[in-house]
Amino acid sequence: MTEWFYNIKTGEVEEGRQSLASDLDGPFASREEAAKAPEIIAERSRQWESEDD
């Protein structure tokens, strides 16, 4: 099964681990999901913040 990653430095989606782990978010199940990584991460952050309140 292919894993997809979002490179936070370049803004590019990568198939498999092509960059340093510290530059990657993922793995994601699809290229489309990896491309939405910034939105997914922002939503998770909002959820975690609301749990802390």
N, C-alpha and C. Protein backbone atom coordinates (compact mmCIF):
# COMPACT_ATOMS: atom_id res chain seq x y z
N MET A 1 0.84 -1.19 0.00
CA MET A 1 0.00 0.00 0.00
C MET A 1 0.88 1.25 0.00
N THR A 2 0.60 2.15 -0.88
CA THR A 2 1.36 3.38 -1.00
C THR A 2 0.98 4.36 0.10
N GLU A 3 1.97 4.98 0.69
CA GLU A 3 1.74 6.02 1.67
C GLU A 3 2.09 7.35 1.03
N TRP A 4 1.31 8.37 1.36
CA TRP A 4 1.50 9.71 0.83
C TRP A 4 1.83 10.66 1.96
N PHE A 5 2.71 11.61 1.69
CA PHE A 5 3.15 12.57 2.69
C PHE A 5 3.05 13.98 2.14
N TYR A 6 2.87 14.93 3.04
CA TYR A 6 2.86 16.34 2.69
C TYR A 6 4.15 16.94 3.22
N ASN A 7 4.93 17.53 2.34
CA ASN A 7 6.19 18.16 2.72
C ASN A 7 5.89 19.59 3.15
N ILE A 8 6.09 19.87 4.43
CA ILE A 8 5.73 21.19 4.96
C ILE A 8 6.70 22.28 4.51
N LYS A 9 7.89 21.92 4.08
CA LYS A 9 8.84 22.93 3.59
C LYS A 9 8.55 23.32 2.15
N THR A 10 8.21 22.35 1.32
CA THR A 10 8.01 22.63 -0.10
C THR A 10 6.54 22.80 -0.48
N GLY A 11 5.63 22.30 0.36
CA GLY A 11 4.21 22.33 0.03
C GLY A 11 3.82 21.28 -0.99
N GLU A 12 4.72 20.34 -1.24
CA GLU A 12 4.48 19.30 -2.24
C GLU A 12 4.01 18.00 -1.58
N VAL A 13 3.24 17.23 -2.33
CA VAL A 13 2.83 15.90 -1.91
C VAL A 13 3.87 14.91 -2.43
N GLU A 14 4.27 13.97 -1.58
CA GLU A 14 5.29 12.99 -1.96
C GLU A 14 4.73 11.59 -1.82
N GLU A 15 5.06 10.75 -2.78
CA GLU A 15 4.70 9.34 -2.71
C GLU A 15 5.82 8.61 -1.99
N GLY A 16 5.52 8.10 -0.80
CA GLY A 16 6.55 7.48 0.02
C GLY A 16 7.41 8.53 0.70
N ARG A 17 8.33 8.07 1.52
CA ARG A 17 9.23 8.98 2.25
C ARG A 17 10.39 9.36 1.34
N GLN A 18 10.34 10.58 0.83
CA GLN A 18 11.40 11.07 -0.04
C GLN A 18 12.25 12.14 0.63
N SER A 19 11.74 12.70 1.71
CA SER A 19 12.42 13.79 2.40
C SER A 19 12.64 13.43 3.86
N LEU A 20 13.29 14.32 4.58
CA LEU A 20 13.51 14.12 6.00
C LEU A 20 12.17 14.01 6.72
N ALA A 21 12.09 13.13 7.69
CA ALA A 21 10.85 12.94 8.44
C ALA A 21 10.40 14.23 9.10
N SER A 22 11.35 15.07 9.52
CA SER A 22 10.99 16.33 10.18
C SER A 22 10.30 17.31 9.23
N ASP A 23 10.39 17.07 7.93
CA ASP A 23 9.76 17.94 6.93
C ASP A 23 8.41 17.39 6.47
N LEU A 24 8.02 16.22 6.96
CA LEU A 24 6.84 15.54 6.44
C LEU A 24 5.71 15.45 7.45
N ASP A 25 4.49 15.57 6.94
CA ASP A 25 3.28 15.23 7.69
C ASP A 25 2.68 14.03 6.99
N GLY A 26 2.23 13.08 7.79
CA GLY A 26 1.63 11.88 7.22
C GLY A 26 2.05 10.67 8.01
N PRO A 27 1.75 9.54 7.53
CA PRO A 27 1.29 9.22 6.19
C PRO A 27 -0.21 9.42 6.02
N PHE A 28 -0.59 9.62 4.77
CA PHE A 28 -1.99 9.72 4.38
C PHE A 28 -2.30 8.58 3.42
N ALA A 29 -3.57 8.24 3.33
CA ALA A 29 -3.99 7.10 2.51
C ALA A 29 -4.03 7.42 1.02
N SER A 30 -4.14 8.70 0.66
CA SER A 30 -4.24 9.05 -0.75
C SER A 30 -3.52 10.37 -1.02
N ARG A 31 -3.23 10.59 -2.30
CA ARG A 31 -2.60 11.85 -2.71
C ARG A 31 -3.51 13.03 -2.36
N GLU A 32 -4.82 12.86 -2.59
CA GLU A 32 -5.78 13.92 -2.32
C GLU A 32 -5.81 14.30 -0.84
N GLU A 33 -5.77 13.29 0.02
CA GLU A 33 -5.78 13.55 1.46
C GLU A 33 -4.49 14.27 1.87
N ALA A 34 -3.36 13.84 1.34
CA ALA A 34 -2.08 14.48 1.65
C ALA A 34 -2.08 15.94 1.19
N ALA A 35 -2.70 16.21 0.05
CA ALA A 35 -2.76 17.58 -0.46
C ALA A 35 -3.58 18.48 0.46
N LYS A 36 -4.49 17.90 1.22
CA LYS A 36 -5.32 18.66 2.15
C LYS A 36 -4.70 18.73 3.55
N ALA A 37 -3.47 18.28 3.69
CA ALA A 37 -2.82 18.22 5.00
C ALA A 37 -2.87 19.53 5.78
N PRO A 38 -2.61 20.68 5.18
CA PRO A 38 -2.67 21.92 5.97
C PRO A 38 -4.04 22.15 6.59
N GLU A 39 -5.11 21.86 5.84
CA GLU A 39 -6.47 22.02 6.37
C GLU A 39 -6.76 21.00 7.46
N ILE A 40 -6.33 19.76 7.25
CA ILE A 40 -6.54 18.69 8.24
C ILE A 40 -5.82 19.03 9.53
N ILE A 41 -4.59 19.49 9.43
CA ILE A 41 -3.80 19.82 10.61
C ILE A 41 -4.41 21.00 11.36
N ALA A 42 -4.87 22.01 10.62
CA ALA A 42 -5.49 23.17 11.27
C ALA A 42 -6.75 22.76 12.01
N GLU A 43 -7.56 21.90 11.40
CA GLU A 43 -8.79 21.44 12.06
C GLU A 43 -8.47 20.64 13.32
N ARG A 44 -7.50 19.77 13.26
CA ARG A 44 -7.11 18.98 14.44
C ARG A 44 -6.62 19.90 15.55
N SER A 45 -5.88 20.93 15.19
CA SER A 45 -5.39 21.87 16.19
C SER A 45 -6.54 22.59 16.87
N ARG A 46 -7.53 23.00 16.07
CA ARG A 46 -8.71 23.66 16.66
C ARG A 46 -9.45 22.71 17.61
N GLN A 47 -9.57 21.45 17.22
CA GLN A 47 -10.23 20.48 18.08
C GLN A 47 -9.48 20.30 19.39
N TRP A 48 -8.16 20.17 19.32
CA TRP A 48 -7.35 20.00 20.53
C TRP A 48 -7.45 21.21 21.43
N GLU A 49 -7.45 22.42 20.84
CA GLU A 49 -7.59 23.64 21.64
C GLU A 49 -8.91 23.69 22.36
N SER A 50 -9.98 23.28 21.69
CA SER A 50 -11.29 23.31 22.32
C SER A 50 -11.40 22.26 23.43
N GLU A 51 -10.66 21.17 23.33
CA GLU A 51 -10.65 20.17 24.41
C GLU A 51 -9.94 20.69 25.64
N ASP A 52 -8.98 21.57 25.46
CA ASP A 52 -8.23 22.13 26.58
C ASP A 52 -9.02 23.18 27.35
N ASP A 53 -10.04 23.75 26.75
CA ASP A 53 -10.82 24.82 27.40
C ASP A 53 -11.75 24.28 28.45
